[in-house]
């Protein structure tokens, strides 16, 4: 077990619940519907990767190693870059902040970290002896 991944998963999972509730109830008053959709995409992907991080933390006991370690790290980085950038874009829309329009380029970089995390998790699981 990799305790820090489990701690991160629990904290990021709780944050996802809070942000999801905010998005479902209050955000609709602040931004247009398409921006609410962007925010919800961030919440959804955060939840998916919280579960991936939980699995990584648990599987680490069976397949400790650099690939499993980096899978977990990639999931965490991906959450911050992918979901975090969508949250920031939503906040900018809500506050009518201008000047950071290039922030959206961070989102696909976070997506790449998600993909790399899944590939590393796959490679780590394939090494587990039956």
Protein backbone atom coordinates (compact mmCIF):
# COMPACT_ATOMS: atom_id res chain seq x y z
CA UNK A 1 0.00 0.00 0.00
CA UNK A 2 1.20 3.48 -0.77
CA UNK A 3 -0.31 5.55 2.02
CA UNK A 4 0.31 8.96 0.45
CA UNK A 5 -1.72 8.01 -2.64
CA UNK A 6 -4.59 6.93 -0.39
CA UNK A 7 -4.36 10.20 1.55
CA UNK A 8 -4.35 12.22 -1.68
CA UNK A 9 -7.29 10.19 -3.01
CA UNK A 10 -9.33 10.80 0.14
CA UNK A 11 -8.59 14.54 0.17
CA UNK A 12 -9.19 15.00 -3.56
CA UNK A 13 -12.35 12.88 -3.32
CA UNK A 14 -13.75 15.10 -0.56
CA UNK A 15 -12.84 18.17 -2.60
CA UNK A 16 -14.62 16.70 -5.63
CA UNK A 17 -17.80 16.25 -3.58
CA UNK A 18 -17.63 19.86 -2.37
CA UNK A 19 -16.94 21.21 -5.85
CA UNK A 20 -19.65 19.01 -7.37
CA UNK A 21 -22.21 20.31 -4.89
CA UNK A 22 -21.14 23.88 -5.59
CA UNK A 23 -21.41 23.25 -9.33
CA UNK A 24 -24.85 21.71 -8.99
CA UNK A 25 -26.34 24.38 -6.76
CA UNK A 26 -24.60 27.77 -6.72
CA UNK A 27 -22.57 27.93 -9.91
CA UNK A 28 -25.67 28.10 -12.12
CA UNK A 29 -26.36 31.55 -10.70
CA UNK A 30 -22.91 32.82 -11.64
CA UNK A 31 -22.09 31.54 -15.14
CA UNK A 32 -23.81 30.42 -18.33
CA UNK A 33 -24.82 26.74 -18.74
CA UNK A 34 -21.89 25.85 -21.01
CA UNK A 35 -19.48 27.06 -18.33
CA UNK A 36 -21.28 24.93 -15.73
CA UNK A 37 -20.70 22.01 -18.10
CA UNK A 38 -16.99 22.80 -18.25
CA UNK A 39 -16.83 22.87 -14.45
CA UNK A 40 -18.72 19.57 -14.18
CA UNK A 41 -16.27 17.98 -16.62
CA UNK A 42 -13.49 18.92 -14.21
CA UNK A 43 -15.39 17.38 -11.29
CA UNK A 44 -16.16 14.21 -13.24
CA UNK A 45 -12.56 13.64 -14.30
CA UNK A 46 -11.36 14.41 -10.79
CA UNK A 47 -13.65 11.69 -9.44
CA UNK A 48 -12.55 9.16 -12.06
CA UNK A 49 -8.94 9.72 -11.20
CA UNK A 50 -9.51 9.70 -7.45
CA UNK A 51 -10.68 6.11 -7.94
CA UNK A 52 -7.64 5.39 -10.12
CA UNK A 53 -5.44 6.82 -7.38
CA UNK A 54 -7.16 4.64 -4.76
CA UNK A 55 -6.53 1.58 -6.91
CA UNK A 56 -2.92 2.60 -7.42
CA UNK A 57 -2.38 3.04 -3.69
CA UNK A 58 -3.87 -0.38 -2.97
CA UNK A 59 -2.13 -2.17 -5.85
CA UNK A 60 1.22 -0.73 -4.81
CA UNK A 61 1.39 -3.53 -2.20
CA UNK A 62 1.29 -6.11 -5.01
CA UNK A 63 3.45 -4.29 -7.54
CA UNK A 64 5.71 -1.74 -5.87
CA UNK A 65 8.03 -0.01 -8.27
CA UNK A 66 8.76 3.06 -10.30
CA UNK A 67 5.95 2.52 -12.81
CA UNK A 68 3.30 2.21 -10.11
CA UNK A 69 4.76 5.17 -8.25
CA UNK A 70 4.70 7.32 -11.38
CA UNK A 71 1.18 6.14 -12.25
CA UNK A 72 -0.05 7.60 -8.96
CA UNK A 73 1.96 10.77 -9.43
CA UNK A 74 0.58 11.20 -12.94
CA UNK A 75 -2.99 10.87 -11.67
CA UNK A 76 -2.36 13.57 -9.06
CA UNK A 77 -0.65 15.90 -11.52
CA UNK A 78 -3.41 15.25 -14.06
CA UNK A 79 -6.10 16.19 -11.55
CA UNK A 80 -4.39 19.46 -10.75
CA UNK A 81 -3.68 20.36 -14.38
CA UNK A 82 -6.83 19.04 -16.09
CA UNK A 83 -9.52 19.61 -13.49
CA UNK A 84 -7.74 22.56 -11.90
CA UNK A 85 -7.49 24.42 -15.19
CA UNK A 86 -11.20 23.88 -15.84
CA UNK A 87 -12.01 25.23 -12.37
CA UNK A 88 -9.80 28.27 -13.00
CA UNK A 89 -11.40 28.89 -16.41
CA UNK A 90 -14.83 28.76 -14.76
CA UNK A 91 -13.72 31.16 -12.03
CA UNK A 92 -12.35 33.54 -14.65
CA UNK A 93 -15.67 33.42 -16.49
CA UNK A 94 -17.60 34.03 -13.26
CA UNK A 95 -15.45 37.02 -12.32
CA UNK A 96 -15.10 38.24 -15.90
CA UNK A 97 -11.32 38.12 -15.54
CA UNK A 98 -9.43 38.75 -18.76
CA UNK A 99 -5.83 38.30 -19.76
CA UNK A 100 -5.32 34.60 -19.08
CA UNK A 101 -7.11 33.24 -22.14
CA UNK A 102 -4.21 30.84 -22.86
CA UNK A 103 -4.94 28.98 -19.61
CA UNK A 104 -6.97 26.43 -21.59
CA UNK A 105 -3.76 24.95 -23.04
CA UNK A 106 -3.05 23.42 -19.62
CA UNK A 107 -6.14 21.19 -19.78
CA UNK A 108 -4.88 18.81 -22.49
CA UNK A 109 -1.50 18.59 -20.76
CA UNK A 110 -3.38 17.30 -17.71
CA UNK A 111 -5.16 14.85 -20.01
CA UNK A 112 -1.79 13.53 -21.19
CA UNK A 113 -0.80 12.95 -17.56
CA UNK A 114 -4.03 10.96 -17.09
CA UNK A 115 -3.24 8.80 -20.13
CA UNK A 116 0.35 8.21 -19.02
CA UNK A 117 -0.90 7.29 -15.56
CA UNK A 118 -3.27 4.69 -16.98
CA UNK A 119 -0.56 3.22 -19.23
CA UNK A 120 1.88 3.01 -16.32
CA UNK A 121 -0.80 1.39 -14.16
CA UNK A 122 -1.44 -1.15 -16.91
CA UNK A 123 2.25 -1.95 -17.26
CA UNK A 124 2.58 -2.34 -13.50
CA UNK A 125 -0.42 -4.67 -13.27
CA UNK A 126 0.89 -6.79 -16.14
CA UNK A 127 4.06 -7.42 -14.09
CA UNK A 128 2.08 -8.91 -11.20
CA UNK A 129 2.63 -12.65 -11.04
CA UNK A 130 -0.58 -14.67 -10.94
